Amino acid sequence: MKNTQNIASLIAKLEYEVGRECYNPNSYDGYTGIEGLGYRYPVKVYQDENMRTYRGSITSISPSEIHTMKYVFGSNHLFIGKGIYNILNELEKRYGLDFDKMEEELDKSEE
């Protein structure tokens, strides 16, 4: 699978879906009295010679930046961009898919 702009954008969208599923059951909101907190886990991306942190959607990302996307927790780093790329690549091989072509067709249908 080639890492194209379509693939980079798809990976950024999929990462947001993963990142927003974080939950801390030990948090407590004293104002509302609610225990537990769901939140978007921040993702770091090396862009323009800087490590940037996103707490929302990644609005712009290039194919070369995908492999720098990571979650940092303690001294551990999970390279989520590489992980999603590998999953998409495996799905393409296993099921004969072409995500780049599918994204192009989706873009054309939305015009």
C-alpha atoms as a PDB file:
ATOM      1  CA  MET A   1       0.000   0.000   0.000  1.00  0.00           C
ATOM      2  CA  LYS A   2       1.365   3.386  -0.958  1.00  0.00           C
ATOM      3  CA  ASN A   3       1.265   6.067   1.704  1.00  0.00           C
ATOM      4  CA  THR A   4      -0.578   8.758  -0.267  1.00  0.00           C
ATOM      5  CA  GLN A   5      -2.317  11.937   0.873  1.00  0.00           C
ATOM      6  CA  ASN A   6      -5.640  10.057   0.792  1.00  0.00           C
ATOM      7  CA  ILE A   7      -4.205   7.366   3.072  1.00  0.00           C
ATOM      8  CA  ALA A   8      -2.688   9.975   5.419  1.00  0.00           C
ATOM      9  CA  SER A   9      -6.050  11.741   5.758  1.00  0.00           C
ATOM     10  CA  LEU A  10      -7.844   8.439   6.368  1.00  0.00           C
ATOM     11  CA  ILE A  11      -5.324   7.466   9.056  1.00  0.00           C
ATOM     12  CA  ALA A  12      -5.804  10.843  10.778  1.00  0.00           C
ATOM     13  CA  LYS A  13      -9.592  10.299  10.807  1.00  0.00           C
ATOM     14  CA  LEU A  14      -9.235   6.763  12.153  1.00  0.00           C
ATOM     15  CA  GLU A  15      -6.761   7.883  14.818  1.00  0.00           C
ATOM     16  CA  TYR A  16      -9.298  10.419  16.085  1.00  0.00           C
ATOM     17  CA  GLU A  17     -11.849   7.622  16.515  1.00  0.00           C
ATOM     18  CA  VAL A  18      -9.337   5.594  18.540  1.00  0.00           C
ATOM     19  CA  GLY A  19      -8.092   8.546  20.596  1.00  0.00           C
ATOM     20  CA  ARG A  20     -11.528   9.727  21.670  1.00  0.00           C
ATOM     21  CA  GLU A  21     -12.300   6.397  23.354  1.00  0.00           C
ATOM     22  CA  CYS A  22     -10.099   7.049  26.387  1.00  0.00           C
ATOM     23  CA  TYR A  23     -11.716   6.845  29.820  1.00  0.00           C
ATOM     24  CA  ASN A  24     -10.492   7.450  33.364  1.00  0.00           C
ATOM     25  CA  PRO A  25     -12.792   5.734  35.893  1.00  0.00           C
ATOM     26  CA  ASN A  26     -10.924   7.323  38.821  1.00  0.00           C
ATOM     27  CA  SER A  27     -11.669  10.936  37.923  1.00  0.00           C
ATOM     28  CA  TYR A  28     -14.334  12.948  39.731  1.00  0.00           C
ATOM     29  CA  ASP A  29     -16.031  16.193  38.729  1.00  0.00           C
ATOM     30  CA  GLY A  30     -16.782  18.011  41.981  1.00  0.00           C
ATOM     31  CA  TYR A  31     -19.011  20.508  40.200  1.00  0.00           C
ATOM     32  CA  THR A  32     -21.376  17.953  38.644  1.00  0.00           C
ATOM     33  CA  GLY A  33     -20.730  15.053  41.011  1.00  0.00           C
ATOM     34  CA  ILE A  34     -19.985  12.755  38.074  1.00  0.00           C
ATOM     35  CA  GLU A  35     -17.398  10.035  38.538  1.00  0.00           C
ATOM     36  CA  GLY A  36     -15.356   8.893  35.564  1.00  0.00           C
ATOM     37  CA  LEU A  37     -14.292  10.923  32.590  1.00  0.00           C
ATOM     38  CA  GLY A  38     -14.189  10.124  28.887  1.00  0.00           C
ATOM     39  CA  TYR A  39     -11.757  12.220  26.882  1.00  0.00           C
ATOM     40  CA  ARG A  40      -9.729  12.381  23.704  1.00  0.00           C
ATOM     41  CA  TYR A  41      -6.204  11.092  24.337  1.00  0.00           C
ATOM     42  CA  PRO A  42      -3.702  13.618  22.957  1.00  0.00           C
ATOM     43  CA  VAL A  43      -1.714  12.511  19.933  1.00  0.00           C
ATOM     44  CA  LYS A  44       1.718  13.895  19.112  1.00  0.00           C
ATOM     45  CA  VAL A  45       2.869  14.455  15.534  1.00  0.00           C
ATOM     46  CA  TYR A  46       6.234  15.706  14.311  1.00  0.00           C
ATOM     47  CA  GLN A  47       5.361  18.528  11.898  1.00  0.00           C
ATOM     48  CA  ASP A  48       7.408  21.443  10.585  1.00  0.00           C
ATOM     49  CA  GLU A  49      10.403  20.417  12.702  1.00  0.00           C
ATOM     50  CA  ASN A  50       8.304  20.546  15.904  1.00  0.00           C
ATOM     51  CA  MET A  51       6.478  17.953  17.971  1.00  0.00           C
ATOM     52  CA  ARG A  52       2.846  19.116  18.028  1.00  0.00           C
ATOM     53  CA  THR A  53       0.123  17.866  20.331  1.00  0.00           C
ATOM     54  CA  TYR A  54      -3.446  17.497  19.092  1.00  0.00           C
ATOM     55  CA  ARG A  55      -6.405  17.184  21.432  1.00  0.00           C
ATOM     56  CA  GLY A  56      -8.948  17.375  18.626  1.00  0.00           C
ATOM     57  CA  SER A  57      -8.909  16.280  15.002  1.00  0.00           C
ATOM     58  CA  ILE A  58      -5.693  16.543  13.034  1.00  0.00           C
ATOM     59  CA  THR A  59      -6.726  19.021  10.359  1.00  0.00           C
ATOM     60  CA  SER A  60      -3.706  18.652   8.095  1.00  0.00           C
ATOM     61  CA  ILE A  61      -1.142  15.877   7.827  1.00  0.00           C
ATOM     62  CA  SER A  62       1.237  14.730   5.104  1.00  0.00           C
ATOM     63  CA  PRO A  63       2.071  11.123   4.229  1.00  0.00           C
ATOM     64  CA  SER A  64       5.593  11.542   5.644  1.00  0.00           C
ATOM     65  CA  GLU A  65       4.197  12.621   9.031  1.00  0.00           C
ATOM     66  CA  ILE A  66       1.974   9.557   9.540  1.00  0.00           C
ATOM     67  CA  HIS A  67       4.800   7.461  10.968  1.00  0.00           C
ATOM     68  CA  THR A  68       5.527  10.126  13.615  1.00  0.00           C
ATOM     69  CA  MET A  69       2.001  10.035  15.114  1.00  0.00           C
ATOM     70  CA  LYS A  70       2.196   8.662  18.636  1.00  0.00           C
ATOM     71  CA  TYR A  71       0.550   8.407  22.023  1.00  0.00           C
ATOM     72  CA  VAL A  72       2.915   9.038  24.921  1.00  0.00           C
ATOM     73  CA  PHE A  73       2.089   7.508  28.285  1.00  0.00           C
ATOM     74  CA  GLY A  74       4.851   7.565  30.839  1.00  0.00           C
ATOM     75  CA  SER A  75       8.061   6.413  29.199  1.00  0.00           C
ATOM     76  CA  ASN A  76       6.108   4.433  26.590  1.00  0.00           C
ATOM     77  CA  HIS A  77       5.299   5.560  23.061  1.00  0.00           C
ATOM     78  CA  LEU A  78       2.642   3.872  20.931  1.00  0.00           C
ATOM     79  CA  PHE A  79       3.099   4.768  17.258  1.00  0.00           C
ATOM     80  CA  ILE A  80      -0.600   4.878  16.379  1.00  0.00           C
ATOM     81  CA  GLY A  81      -0.011   6.137  12.826  1.00  0.00           C
ATOM     82  CA  LYS A  82       2.203   3.145  12.011  1.00  0.00           C
ATOM     83  CA  GLY A  83      -0.262   0.804  13.684  1.00  0.00           C
ATOM     84  CA  ILE A  84      -3.239   2.053  11.675  1.00  0.00           C
ATOM     85  CA  TYR A  85      -1.154   2.002   8.479  1.00  0.00           C
ATOM     86  CA  ASN A  86      -0.235  -1.638   9.150  1.00  0.00           C
ATOM     87  CA  ILE A  87      -3.885  -2.559   9.796  1.00  0.00           C
ATOM     88  CA  LEU A  88      -5.036  -0.899   6.551  1.00  0.00           C
ATOM     89  CA  ASN A  89      -2.212  -2.625   4.661  1.00  0.00           C
ATOM     90  CA  GLU A  90      -3.211  -6.023   6.085  1.00  0.00           C
ATOM     91  CA  LEU A  91      -6.881  -5.425   5.195  1.00  0.00           C
ATOM     92  CA  GLU A  92      -5.890  -4.514   1.626  1.00  0.00           C
ATOM     93  CA  LYS A  93      -3.864  -7.698   1.219  1.00  0.00           C
ATOM     94  CA  ARG A  94      -6.386  -9.963   2.915  1.00  0.00           C
ATOM     95  CA  TYR A  95      -9.530  -8.704   1.177  1.00  0.00           C
ATOM     96  CA  GLY A  96      -8.181  -7.281  -2.091  1.00  0.00           C
ATOM     97  CA  LEU A  97      -9.047  -3.701  -1.162  1.00  0.00           C
ATOM     98  CA  ASP A  98      -7.495  -0.455  -2.352  1.00  0.00           C
ATOM     99  CA  PHE A  99      -8.120   2.232   0.260  1.00  0.00           C
ATOM    100  CA  ASP A 100      -6.483   4.963  -1.827  1.00  0.00           C
ATOM    101  CA  LYS A 101      -8.833   4.241  -4.726  1.00  0.00           C
ATOM    102  CA  MET A 102     -11.819   3.982  -2.362  1.00  0.00           C
ATOM    103  CA  GLU A 103     -10.970   7.386  -0.835  1.00  0.00           C
ATOM    104  CA  GLU A 104     -10.659   8.932  -4.324  1.00  0.00           C
ATOM    105  CA  GLU A 105     -14.086   7.576  -5.265  1.00  0.00           C
ATOM    106  CA  LEU A 106     -15.553   8.870  -2.007  1.00  0.00           C
ATOM    107  CA  ASP A 107     -14.108  12.339  -2.662  1.00  0.00           C
ATOM    108  CA  LYS A 108     -15.626  12.368  -6.170  1.00  0.00           C
ATOM    109  CA  SER A 109     -19.054  11.352  -4.870  1.00  0.00           C
ATOM    110  CA  GLU A 110     -18.999  14.148  -2.272  1.00  0.00           C
ATOM    111  CA  GLU A 111     -18.307  16.877  -4.857  1.00  0.00           C
END
